[in-house]
N, C-alpha and C. Protein backbone atom coordinates (compact mmCIF):
# COMPACT_ATOMS: atom_id res chain seq x y z
N MET A 1 -29.94 52.52 8.75
CA MET A 1 -29.46 51.00 8.52
C MET A 1 -29.07 50.84 7.12
N SER A 2 -27.64 50.25 7.00
CA SER A 2 -27.39 49.96 5.44
C SER A 2 -27.85 48.91 4.50
N ALA A 3 -27.89 48.74 3.38
CA ALA A 3 -28.65 47.93 2.47
C ALA A 3 -28.30 46.49 3.03
N ALA A 4 -26.81 46.14 3.29
CA ALA A 4 -26.54 45.08 3.88
C ALA A 4 -27.12 44.47 4.96
N SER A 5 -27.12 45.56 5.83
CA SER A 5 -27.92 45.16 7.32
C SER A 5 -29.32 44.88 6.81
N GLU A 6 -30.28 45.36 5.84
CA GLU A 6 -31.39 45.31 5.80
C GLU A 6 -31.83 43.91 4.95
N ILE A 7 -30.69 43.42 4.62
CA ILE A 7 -30.80 41.96 3.73
C ILE A 7 -30.50 41.14 4.85
N ILE A 8 -29.65 40.95 5.62
CA ILE A 8 -29.49 40.32 6.80
C ILE A 8 -30.53 39.81 7.75
N LEU A 9 -31.14 41.55 7.96
CA LEU A 9 -32.55 41.55 8.78
C LEU A 9 -33.76 40.67 8.23
N ASP A 10 -33.93 40.92 7.00
CA ASP A 10 -34.76 40.42 6.11
C ASP A 10 -34.73 38.65 6.13
N SER A 11 -33.28 38.63 5.69
CA SER A 11 -33.32 37.03 5.79
C SER A 11 -33.68 36.25 7.14
N LYS A 12 -33.08 36.94 8.07
CA LYS A 12 -33.07 36.02 9.39
C LYS A 12 -34.71 36.30 9.83
N MET A 13 -35.60 36.88 9.39
CA MET A 13 -36.85 37.24 9.57
C MET A 13 -37.44 35.92 8.80
N TYR A 14 -37.03 35.84 7.44
CA TYR A 14 -37.33 34.73 6.67
C TYR A 14 -37.21 33.41 7.09
N PHE A 15 -35.96 33.27 7.62
CA PHE A 15 -35.68 31.59 8.32
C PHE A 15 -36.33 31.59 9.54
N SER A 16 -36.57 32.43 10.50
CA SER A 16 -37.04 32.55 11.66
C SER A 16 -38.56 32.08 11.38
N GLU A 17 -39.49 32.48 10.25
CA GLU A 17 -40.46 31.98 10.25
C GLU A 17 -40.58 30.67 9.47
N LEU A 18 -39.64 30.27 8.43
CA LEU A 18 -39.13 28.84 8.11
C LEU A 18 -39.14 27.87 9.30
N ILE A 19 -38.08 28.17 10.25
CA ILE A 19 -37.49 27.26 11.06
C ILE A 19 -38.98 27.16 12.13
N GLY A 20 -39.77 28.10 12.48
CA GLY A 20 -40.75 27.97 13.50
C GLY A 20 -41.85 27.21 12.78
N ASN A 21 -42.24 27.50 11.69
CA ASN A 21 -43.14 26.55 10.96
C ASN A 21 -42.90 24.87 10.78
N ALA A 22 -41.61 24.89 10.78
CA ALA A 22 -41.10 23.36 10.29
C ALA A 22 -40.87 22.68 12.02
N CYS A 23 -40.32 23.40 12.74
CA CYS A 23 -40.67 22.74 14.01
C CYS A 23 -41.92 22.31 14.61
N ASN A 24 -43.11 23.51 14.16
CA ASN A 24 -44.39 23.24 14.36
C ASN A 24 -44.93 21.72 13.97
N GLU A 25 -44.52 21.58 12.28
CA GLU A 25 -45.00 20.76 11.58
C GLU A 25 -44.62 19.24 12.13
N ARG A 26 -43.19 19.31 12.56
CA ARG A 26 -42.41 18.08 13.19
C ARG A 26 -42.86 18.06 14.61
N ASN A 27 -43.51 18.75 15.02
CA ASN A 27 -43.82 18.63 16.65
C ASN A 27 -42.31 18.76 17.26
N VAL A 28 -41.64 19.55 17.25
CA VAL A 28 -40.34 19.53 17.71
C VAL A 28 -40.04 20.77 18.85
N LYS A 29 -40.20 20.13 19.93
CA LYS A 29 -40.23 21.39 21.13
C LYS A 29 -38.82 21.74 21.35
N THR A 30 -38.26 22.96 21.42
CA THR A 30 -37.11 23.50 21.40
C THR A 30 -37.25 25.00 22.16
N LYS A 31 -36.26 25.17 22.44
CA LYS A 31 -35.96 26.92 23.35
C LYS A 31 -35.75 27.96 22.15
N PRO A 32 -36.43 29.09 22.58
CA PRO A 32 -36.00 30.08 21.32
C PRO A 32 -34.61 30.08 21.40
N GLN A 33 -33.67 30.29 21.98
CA GLN A 33 -32.31 30.04 21.91
C GLN A 33 -31.89 29.29 20.64
N VAL A 34 -32.46 27.97 20.79
CA VAL A 34 -32.10 27.24 19.61
C VAL A 34 -32.57 27.70 18.34
N GLN A 35 -34.00 27.74 18.48
CA GLN A 35 -34.35 28.29 16.94
C GLN A 35 -33.48 29.51 16.60
N GLU A 36 -33.15 30.23 17.23
CA GLU A 36 -32.09 31.34 16.62
C GLU A 36 -31.06 30.91 16.25
N TYR A 37 -30.47 30.07 16.90
CA TYR A 37 -29.11 29.47 16.54
C TYR A 37 -29.44 28.59 15.12
N LEU A 38 -30.88 27.94 14.90
CA LEU A 38 -30.91 27.36 13.68
C LEU A 38 -31.06 28.34 12.45
N VAL A 39 -31.61 29.69 13.05
CA VAL A 39 -31.67 30.67 12.07
C VAL A 39 -30.42 31.40 11.77
N ASN A 40 -29.40 31.63 12.81
CA ASN A 40 -28.36 31.83 12.19
C ASN A 40 -27.43 30.97 11.54
N LEU A 41 -27.54 29.62 11.80
CA LEU A 41 -26.98 28.84 10.94
C LEU A 41 -27.11 28.84 9.29
N LEU A 42 -28.60 29.13 8.99
CA LEU A 42 -29.21 28.86 7.93
C LEU A 42 -28.70 30.28 7.12
N ASN A 43 -28.67 31.40 7.89
CA ASN A 43 -28.08 32.73 7.26
C ASN A 43 -26.78 32.72 7.32
N ASN A 44 -26.04 31.97 7.82
CA ASN A 44 -24.40 31.87 7.59
C ASN A 44 -24.26 31.42 6.13
N PHE A 45 -25.14 30.26 5.98
CA PHE A 45 -24.82 29.22 4.80
C PHE A 45 -25.63 29.60 3.30
N LEU A 46 -26.34 30.97 3.70
CA LEU A 46 -26.43 31.67 2.71
C LEU A 46 -25.35 31.79 1.53
N ARG A 47 -24.22 31.92 1.92
CA ARG A 47 -22.81 32.04 1.23
C ARG A 47 -22.46 30.55 0.90
N ALA A 48 -22.49 29.88 -0.17
CA ALA A 48 -21.88 28.45 -0.60
C ALA A 48 -20.31 28.63 -0.07
N ASP A 49 -19.78 29.60 -0.07
CA ASP A 49 -18.22 29.43 0.13
C ASP A 49 -18.03 29.13 1.67
N ASN A 50 -19.04 29.47 2.79
CA ASN A 50 -19.24 29.15 4.40
C ASN A 50 -18.82 27.61 4.37
N LEU A 51 -19.17 26.68 3.33
CA LEU A 51 -19.26 25.09 3.76
C LEU A 51 -17.74 24.66 3.29
N TYR A 52 -17.00 25.59 2.96
CA TYR A 52 -15.52 25.41 2.40
C TYR A 52 -14.33 25.94 3.64
N VAL A 53 -13.28 25.62 3.42
CA VAL A 53 -12.10 26.20 4.19
C VAL A 53 -11.62 26.36 3.20
N GLU A 54 -10.44 27.66 3.66
CA GLU A 54 -9.64 28.03 2.71
C GLU A 54 -8.29 27.39 2.74
N LYS A 55 -7.59 27.35 1.52
CA LYS A 55 -6.10 26.79 1.97
C LYS A 55 -4.94 28.01 2.21
N LYS A 56 -4.29 27.55 2.69
CA LYS A 56 -3.30 28.70 3.28
C LYS A 56 -2.47 29.44 2.45
N ALA A 57 -2.11 28.64 1.29
CA ALA A 57 -1.17 28.89 0.10
C ALA A 57 -1.82 29.76 -0.98
N ASP A 58 -2.67 29.46 -1.38
CA ASP A 58 -3.40 30.37 -2.61
C ASP A 58 -4.91 30.92 -2.38
N GLY A 59 -5.24 30.58 -0.82
CA GLY A 59 -6.47 30.97 -0.87
C GLY A 59 -8.00 30.73 -1.33
N THR A 60 -7.74 29.54 -2.33
CA THR A 60 -8.49 28.79 -2.79
C THR A 60 -9.43 27.95 -1.93
N LYS A 61 -10.46 27.63 -1.99
CA LYS A 61 -11.40 26.91 -1.21
C LYS A 61 -11.39 25.22 -1.55
N GLU A 62 -11.60 24.23 -0.77
CA GLU A 62 -11.65 22.92 -0.62
C GLU A 62 -12.41 22.08 0.51
N ASN A 63 -13.27 21.37 0.20
CA ASN A 63 -13.65 20.73 0.86
C ASN A 63 -12.74 19.83 2.41
N PHE A 64 -13.23 19.59 3.26
CA PHE A 64 -12.22 19.13 4.31
C PHE A 64 -12.86 17.79 5.15
N CYS A 65 -12.08 16.95 5.61
CA CYS A 65 -12.46 15.64 6.31
C CYS A 65 -13.12 15.82 7.68
N LEU A 66 -14.43 15.42 7.65
CA LEU A 66 -14.92 15.65 9.07
C LEU A 66 -13.99 15.17 10.15
N ALA A 67 -13.76 14.05 10.02
CA ALA A 67 -12.98 13.11 11.13
C ALA A 67 -11.76 14.01 11.35
N GLU A 68 -11.30 14.47 10.40
CA GLU A 68 -9.39 15.26 10.62
C GLU A 68 -9.85 16.64 11.19
N LEU A 69 -11.17 17.04 10.80
CA LEU A 69 -11.47 18.24 11.45
C LEU A 69 -11.66 18.16 13.10
N TYR A 70 -12.43 16.85 13.63
CA TYR A 70 -12.22 16.65 14.55
C TYR A 70 -11.34 16.16 15.72
N LEU A 71 -10.46 15.64 15.09
CA LEU A 71 -9.19 15.09 15.78
C LEU A 71 -8.24 16.59 15.82
N THR A 72 -8.27 17.58 14.80
CA THR A 72 -7.57 18.67 15.00
C THR A 72 -8.26 19.49 16.15
N ALA A 73 -9.51 19.55 16.10
CA ALA A 73 -10.73 20.44 17.40
C ALA A 73 -10.32 19.69 18.74
N VAL A 74 -10.10 18.41 19.05
CA VAL A 74 -9.96 17.94 20.36
C VAL A 74 -8.74 17.88 20.41
N ASN A 75 -7.73 18.26 19.78
CA ASN A 75 -6.28 18.42 20.50
C ASN A 75 -5.81 19.93 20.20
N ALA A 76 -6.82 21.03 19.85
CA ALA A 76 -6.35 22.27 19.90
C ALA A 76 -6.60 22.86 21.30
N ASP A 77 -5.93 23.94 21.22
CA ASP A 77 -6.28 24.98 22.58
C ASP A 77 -8.02 25.39 22.66
N ASP A 78 -8.23 25.89 23.83
CA ASP A 78 -9.58 25.93 24.02
C ASP A 78 -10.25 26.58 23.06
N LYS A 79 -9.87 27.91 22.66
CA LYS A 79 -10.56 29.12 21.57
C LYS A 79 -10.65 28.34 20.50
N LEU A 80 -9.58 27.82 19.69
CA LEU A 80 -9.60 26.94 18.66
C LEU A 80 -10.57 26.05 18.58
N LYS A 81 -10.33 25.01 19.62
CA LYS A 81 -10.90 23.72 19.65
C LYS A 81 -12.84 24.09 19.50
N ILE A 82 -13.22 25.00 20.40
CA ILE A 82 -14.63 25.91 20.27
C ILE A 82 -15.06 26.03 18.88
N ASN A 83 -14.05 26.84 18.35
CA ASN A 83 -14.38 27.25 16.69
C ASN A 83 -14.48 26.18 15.67
N LEU A 84 -13.53 25.29 16.06
CA LEU A 84 -13.54 24.18 15.18
C LEU A 84 -14.90 23.00 15.46
N LEU A 85 -15.12 22.82 16.54
CA LEU A 85 -16.23 21.80 16.79
C LEU A 85 -17.53 22.80 16.47
N LYS A 86 -17.60 24.01 16.62
CA LYS A 86 -18.78 24.79 16.31
C LYS A 86 -19.05 24.46 14.52
N ARG A 87 -18.10 24.67 13.92
CA ARG A 87 -17.76 24.56 12.34
C ARG A 87 -18.29 23.02 11.92
N LEU A 88 -17.88 22.17 12.66
CA LEU A 88 -17.99 20.68 12.23
C LEU A 88 -19.35 20.28 12.70
N GLY A 89 -19.70 20.86 13.80
CA GLY A 89 -21.34 20.68 13.86
C GLY A 89 -22.35 21.19 13.17
N ASP A 90 -21.96 22.66 12.85
CA ASP A 90 -23.04 23.54 11.87
C ASP A 90 -22.87 22.68 10.50
N VAL A 91 -21.47 22.58 9.93
CA VAL A 91 -21.81 21.76 8.51
C VAL A 91 -22.38 20.66 8.69
N SER A 92 -22.18 19.80 9.47
CA SER A 92 -23.06 18.36 9.59
C SER A 92 -24.22 18.50 9.40
N LEU A 93 -24.65 19.59 10.49
CA LEU A 93 -26.24 19.82 10.43
C LEU A 93 -27.02 20.45 9.28
N TYR A 94 -26.24 21.17 8.90
CA TYR A 94 -26.80 21.76 7.59
C TYR A 94 -26.74 20.74 6.25
N VAL A 95 -25.46 20.22 6.09
CA VAL A 95 -25.57 19.30 4.97
C VAL A 95 -26.20 18.04 5.25
N SER A 96 -26.62 17.81 6.27
CA SER A 96 -27.42 16.50 6.58
C SER A 96 -29.00 16.85 6.38
N GLY A 97 -29.39 18.03 6.64
CA GLY A 97 -30.77 18.17 6.29
C GLY A 97 -30.85 18.94 5.06
N PHE A 98 -30.16 19.74 4.48
CA PHE A 98 -30.33 20.27 2.95
C PHE A 98 -29.92 19.35 1.66
N PHE A 99 -29.00 18.64 2.00
CA PHE A 99 -28.11 17.69 0.95
C PHE A 99 -28.22 16.09 1.16
N GLY A 100 -28.79 15.94 2.28
CA GLY A 100 -28.98 14.39 2.86
C GLY A 100 -28.95 13.38 1.44
N ASP A 101 -30.16 13.71 0.96
CA ASP A 101 -30.36 12.79 -0.30
C ASP A 101 -29.09 12.50 -1.47
N SER A 102 -28.17 14.05 -1.55
CA SER A 102 -27.24 13.64 -2.37
C SER A 102 -25.99 12.32 -2.13
N PHE A 103 -26.10 12.27 -0.83
CA PHE A 103 -25.21 11.00 -0.25
C PHE A 103 -25.39 9.69 -0.91
N LYS A 104 -26.67 9.44 -1.55
CA LYS A 104 -27.28 8.28 -2.20
C LYS A 104 -26.10 7.49 -3.02
N ARG A 105 -25.63 6.29 -2.62
CA ARG A 105 -24.53 5.42 -3.22
C ARG A 105 -23.08 6.02 -3.37
N LYS A 106 -23.16 6.88 -2.39
CA LYS A 106 -21.75 7.16 -2.08
C LYS A 106 -21.09 6.58 -0.97
N ILE A 107 -19.85 6.68 -0.88
CA ILE A 107 -18.69 6.00 0.36
C ILE A 107 -19.37 6.67 1.48
N ILE A 108 -19.27 8.18 1.81
CA ILE A 108 -19.93 8.58 2.97
C ILE A 108 -21.36 8.66 2.97
N ASP A 109 -22.23 8.30 3.81
CA ASP A 109 -23.33 8.72 3.74
C ASP A 109 -23.73 9.78 4.78
N VAL A 110 -25.06 10.16 4.65
CA VAL A 110 -25.60 11.19 5.55
C VAL A 110 -25.34 10.37 7.06
N ASP A 111 -25.73 9.45 7.39
CA ASP A 111 -25.52 8.86 8.96
C ASP A 111 -24.09 9.23 9.20
N TYR A 112 -23.04 9.49 8.62
CA TYR A 112 -21.57 9.76 8.94
C TYR A 112 -21.76 11.23 9.31
N TYR A 113 -22.55 11.76 8.71
CA TYR A 113 -22.49 13.51 8.95
C TYR A 113 -23.32 13.49 10.44
N ILE A 114 -24.24 12.87 10.27
CA ILE A 114 -25.18 12.80 11.47
C ILE A 114 -24.40 12.42 12.79
N GLU A 115 -23.76 11.75 12.91
CA GLU A 115 -23.04 11.24 13.85
C GLU A 115 -21.97 11.92 14.30
N MET A 116 -21.13 12.95 13.21
CA MET A 116 -20.20 13.88 13.41
C MET A 116 -20.74 14.76 14.16
N GLY A 117 -22.11 15.45 13.68
CA GLY A 117 -22.79 16.44 14.03
C GLY A 117 -23.09 16.22 15.52
N GLU A 118 -23.81 15.18 15.53
CA GLU A 118 -23.92 14.73 17.26
C GLU A 118 -22.70 15.00 18.23
N THR A 119 -21.60 14.48 17.69
CA THR A 119 -20.62 14.47 18.46
C THR A 119 -19.84 15.81 18.73
N ALA A 120 -19.90 16.52 17.85
CA ALA A 120 -19.38 17.73 17.75
C ALA A 120 -20.12 18.47 19.01
N TYR A 121 -21.47 18.45 18.71
CA TYR A 121 -22.31 19.38 19.76
C TYR A 121 -22.36 18.92 20.91
N SER A 122 -22.23 17.78 21.51
CA SER A 122 -22.09 17.04 22.83
C SER A 122 -20.70 17.42 23.08
N VAL A 123 -19.35 17.80 22.55
CA VAL A 123 -18.49 17.94 23.20
C VAL A 123 -18.56 19.44 23.47
N LEU A 124 -18.92 20.21 22.76
CA LEU A 124 -19.36 21.77 22.71
C LEU A 124 -19.71 22.02 24.09
N SER A 125 -20.85 21.24 24.23
CA SER A 125 -21.74 21.58 25.35
C SER A 125 -20.97 21.17 26.34
N GLU A 126 -19.81 20.36 26.53
CA GLU A 126 -19.06 20.40 27.75
C GLU A 126 -18.00 21.22 27.80
N SER A 127 -17.73 22.03 26.46
CA SER A 127 -16.40 22.90 26.66
C SER A 127 -16.85 24.49 26.67
N THR A 128 -18.19 25.13 26.26
CA THR A 128 -18.27 26.36 26.26
C THR A 128 -18.27 26.76 27.71
N LEU A 129 -18.23 28.43 27.54
CA LEU A 129 -18.12 28.88 28.92
C LEU A 129 -19.01 29.32 29.62
N THR A 130 -20.23 29.59 28.95
CA THR A 130 -21.83 29.77 29.55
C THR A 130 -22.37 28.97 29.39
N ASP A 131 -23.28 28.88 30.75
CA ASP A 131 -24.27 28.00 30.52
C ASP A 131 -25.76 27.71 29.92
N LEU A 132 -25.59 28.90 29.09
CA LEU A 132 -26.74 29.04 28.06
C LEU A 132 -26.46 28.40 26.70
N GLN A 133 -25.08 28.42 26.28
CA GLN A 133 -24.28 27.90 25.13
C GLN A 133 -24.29 26.51 25.26
N SER A 134 -23.99 25.97 26.47
CA SER A 134 -23.85 24.88 26.68
C SER A 134 -25.04 24.11 26.52
N LYS A 135 -26.49 24.59 27.37
CA LYS A 135 -27.69 23.93 26.71
C LYS A 135 -28.16 23.88 25.46
N VAL A 136 -27.70 25.24 24.94
CA VAL A 136 -28.20 25.01 23.43
C VAL A 136 -27.44 24.10 22.53
N TYR A 137 -26.24 23.81 22.80
CA TYR A 137 -25.66 22.86 22.08
C TYR A 137 -25.86 21.31 22.52
N LYS A 138 -26.05 21.10 23.79
CA LYS A 138 -26.65 19.89 24.21
C LYS A 138 -27.76 19.65 23.72
N ASP A 139 -28.82 20.90 23.81
CA ASP A 139 -30.53 20.40 23.19
C ASP A 139 -30.12 19.94 21.54
N ILE A 140 -29.22 20.61 20.80
CA ILE A 140 -28.92 20.21 19.40
C ILE A 140 -28.52 18.63 19.31
N SER A 141 -27.52 18.36 19.83
CA SER A 141 -26.79 17.01 20.09
C SER A 141 -27.85 16.24 20.36
N GLU A 142 -28.54 16.40 21.46
CA GLU A 142 -29.52 15.06 21.67
C GLU A 142 -30.58 15.01 20.71
N ASN A 143 -30.93 15.95 20.14
CA ASN A 143 -32.26 15.98 19.14
C ASN A 143 -31.74 16.36 17.79
N PHE A 144 -30.71 15.89 17.45
CA PHE A 144 -29.69 16.30 16.07
C PHE A 144 -30.87 15.46 15.10
N LEU A 145 -31.06 14.45 15.27
CA LEU A 145 -32.00 14.30 14.09
C LEU A 145 -33.17 14.90 13.74
N SER A 146 -33.91 15.30 14.89
CA SER A 146 -35.25 16.17 14.83
C SER A 146 -34.82 17.30 14.24
N PHE A 147 -33.78 17.99 14.46
CA PHE A 147 -33.41 19.16 13.69
C PHE A 147 -32.94 19.05 12.17
N VAL A 148 -32.44 17.93 11.98
CA VAL A 148 -31.99 17.29 10.50
C VAL A 148 -33.31 17.38 9.53
N ASP A 149 -34.66 16.76 10.56
CA ASP A 149 -35.77 16.45 9.70
C ASP A 149 -36.38 17.89 9.50
N VAL A 150 -36.25 19.01 10.53
CA VAL A 150 -36.63 20.12 10.33
C VAL A 150 -36.09 20.94 9.24
N LEU A 151 -34.52 20.81 9.14
CA LEU A 151 -34.02 21.14 7.77
C LEU A 151 -34.48 20.72 6.41
N THR A 152 -34.61 19.32 6.62
CA THR A 152 -34.94 18.74 5.58
C THR A 152 -36.14 19.14 4.84
N LEU A 153 -37.48 19.30 5.79
CA LEU A 153 -38.59 20.03 5.33
C LEU A 153 -38.55 21.20 4.87
N ILE A 154 -37.77 22.20 5.44
CA ILE A 154 -37.42 23.29 4.79
C ILE A 154 -36.74 23.40 3.23
N SER A 155 -35.85 22.29 3.19
CA SER A 155 -35.24 22.27 1.99
C SER A 155 -36.18 21.40 0.70
N GLN A 156 -37.17 20.91 1.19
CA GLN A 156 -38.37 20.17 0.25
C GLN A 156 -39.14 21.25 -0.07
N GLU A 157 -39.22 22.16 0.90
CA GLU A 157 -40.62 23.24 0.69
C GLU A 157 -39.75 24.11 -0.44
N CYS A 158 -38.38 24.47 -0.13
CA CYS A 158 -37.68 25.22 -1.33
C CYS A 158 -37.27 24.60 -2.60
N ALA A 159 -37.84 23.59 -2.66
CA ALA A 159 -37.66 22.55 -3.75
C ALA A 159 -35.98 22.19 -3.73
N ILE A 160 -35.39 22.30 -2.75
CA ILE A 160 -34.11 21.61 -2.90
C ILE A 160 -33.76 20.29 -2.92
N GLN A 161 -34.78 19.63 -2.39
CA GLN A 161 -34.82 18.21 -2.39
C GLN A 161 -36.11 17.80 -2.91
N ASP A 162 -36.48 16.38 -3.34
CA ASP A 162 -37.73 16.06 -3.58
C ASP A 162 -38.02 14.92 -2.82
N SER A 163 -39.23 14.91 -2.28
CA SER A 163 -39.64 14.02 -1.15
C SER A 163 -40.29 12.65 -1.60
N SER A 164 -40.85 12.59 -3.28
CA SER A 164 -41.34 11.60 -3.77
C SER A 164 -40.63 10.63 -3.99
N ASP A 165 -39.29 10.66 -3.85
CA ASP A 165 -38.27 9.39 -4.14
C ASP A 165 -38.37 8.41 -3.29
N ILE A 166 -39.01 7.58 -3.43
CA ILE A 166 -39.59 6.52 -2.27
C ILE A 166 -38.47 5.73 -2.02
N LEU A 167 -37.38 5.33 -3.11
CA LEU A 167 -36.50 4.56 -2.48
C LEU A 167 -35.50 5.23 -1.68
N ARG A 168 -35.26 6.38 -2.16
CA ARG A 168 -34.01 7.45 -1.21
C ARG A 168 -34.71 7.70 0.36
N LEU A 169 -36.16 7.87 0.28
CA LEU A 169 -36.67 8.14 1.88
C LEU A 169 -36.61 6.90 2.32
N HIS A 170 -36.81 5.64 1.71
CA HIS A 170 -36.85 4.33 2.56
C HIS A 170 -35.25 3.97 2.84
N ASP A 171 -34.22 4.49 2.08
CA ASP A 171 -32.96 4.03 2.54
C ASP A 171 -32.66 5.35 3.70
N LYS A 172 -33.10 6.45 3.40
CA LYS A 172 -32.67 7.41 4.62
C LYS A 172 -33.40 7.06 6.08
N TYR A 173 -34.61 6.37 6.03
CA TYR A 173 -35.14 6.01 7.30
C TYR A 173 -34.61 4.71 7.68
N LEU A 174 -33.98 4.10 7.12
CA LEU A 174 -32.84 2.77 7.21
C LEU A 174 -31.65 3.16 7.89
N LEU A 175 -31.31 4.15 7.37
CA LEU A 175 -29.98 4.63 7.71
C LEU A 175 -29.91 5.56 9.16
N THR A 176 -30.90 6.48 9.01
CA THR A 176 -31.31 7.54 10.24
C THR A 176 -32.15 7.19 11.21
N ASN A 177 -32.98 6.61 10.61
CA ASN A 177 -34.56 6.60 11.51
C ASN A 177 -35.08 7.93 11.57
N SER A 178 -35.08 8.58 10.67
CA SER A 178 -35.80 9.75 10.37
C SER A 178 -37.22 9.67 10.59
N GLY A 179 -37.78 10.51 11.69
CA GLY A 179 -39.36 10.49 11.92
C GLY A 179 -39.91 11.16 10.57
N LEU A 180 -39.61 12.30 10.04
CA LEU A 180 -39.91 12.65 8.64
C LEU A 180 -40.04 12.09 7.47
N ALA A 181 -38.76 11.25 7.60
CA ALA A 181 -38.85 10.08 6.07
C ALA A 181 -39.98 8.90 6.41
N LYS A 182 -40.42 8.68 7.63
CA LYS A 182 -41.15 7.72 7.84
C LYS A 182 -42.43 8.03 7.52
N ASP A 183 -42.77 9.21 7.86
CA ASP A 183 -44.06 10.20 7.81
C ASP A 183 -44.56 10.13 6.26
N GLN A 184 -43.25 10.47 5.72
CA GLN A 184 -43.51 10.81 4.11
C GLN A 184 -43.46 9.65 3.37
N LEU A 185 -43.02 8.37 4.13
CA LEU A 185 -43.04 7.00 3.38
C LEU A 185 -44.53 6.71 3.65
N LEU A 186 -45.13 6.80 4.89
CA LEU A 186 -46.78 6.44 5.12
C LEU A 186 -47.50 7.22 4.14
N GLU A 187 -47.15 8.58 3.86
CA GLU A 187 -48.28 9.58 3.25
C GLU A 187 -48.16 8.97 1.52
N LEU A 188 -47.13 8.26 1.21
CA LEU A 188 -46.72 8.02 -0.02
C LEU A 188 -47.44 6.52 -0.32
N GLY A 189 -47.97 5.93 0.95
CA GLY A 189 -48.62 4.78 0.73
C GLY A 189 -47.91 3.47 0.93
N VAL A 190 -46.57 3.59 1.45
CA VAL A 190 -45.47 2.70 1.92
C VAL A 190 -45.90 2.35 3.35
N PHE A 191 -46.44 1.04 3.57
CA PHE A 191 -46.92 0.57 4.96
C PHE A 191 -45.99 -0.18 5.56
N ASN A 192 -45.11 -0.90 4.96
CA ASN A 192 -44.40 -2.17 5.39
C ASN A 192 -43.13 -1.67 5.64
N ILE A 193 -43.02 -0.52 6.65
CA ILE A 193 -41.99 0.02 6.90
C ILE A 193 -41.31 -0.72 8.03
N PRO A 194 -39.89 -1.11 8.03
CA PRO A 194 -39.20 -1.97 9.09
C PRO A 194 -39.01 -1.12 10.54
N LYS A 195 -39.73 -1.50 11.79
CA LYS A 195 -39.31 -1.08 13.08
C LYS A 195 -37.77 -1.06 13.55
N LYS A 196 -37.28 0.05 13.95
CA LYS A 196 -36.22 0.33 14.24
C LYS A 196 -36.04 0.19 15.81
N SER A 197 -34.97 0.04 16.15
CA SER A 197 -34.56 -0.52 17.41
C SER A 197 -34.15 0.72 18.21
N SER A 198 -33.37 1.68 17.35
CA SER A 198 -33.15 2.86 17.81
C SER A 198 -33.94 3.54 18.60
N SER A 199 -33.83 4.60 19.62
CA SER A 199 -34.48 5.12 20.65
C SER A 199 -34.90 6.56 19.62
N LYS A 200 -33.99 6.98 18.75
CA LYS A 200 -34.15 8.23 18.33
C LYS A 200 -35.22 8.24 17.41
N GLN A 201 -35.52 9.58 17.44
CA GLN A 201 -37.09 9.66 16.35
C GLN A 201 -36.64 11.02 15.59
């Protein structure tokens, strides 16, 4: 086995443990195939470059507009459509979970990424060729916020985010109805938390 293969195997084992522990802590019940999908997602984004797309002219990297990517995807042929929707869903899920707090006071907030991710995986579940893939994408779409909470918990444990910012937690809860944000607010002694009408947890 090559050194590169060993690194990939080690990182997948590490991420598998993180995902499993976070799902248990958040009481997120899901299929092994979904957990494996999340492990592969984290492994893919070990390279920060994978968050960007290449310009065709000079090969440099740039951000992309999620809405534009979605419109391109739904109007593409089947193979390209699936690839673009998967990229849209994966980036939305990863960014929402690991960097959701960074959207504070910006024009585009984390709820935009959550909505785009849910939509992308929902359309994917109806567009894939295999029943297993369809079920995985459907599970992620229907429980998107729960998986965002799982990734957020991992990012906090890895010190990428700081869960002690009460105002950010409060704003995130108001925007997304995040169960993790609510639990952490309660742990920090914030008991006057407004009830949300959304059915998402």
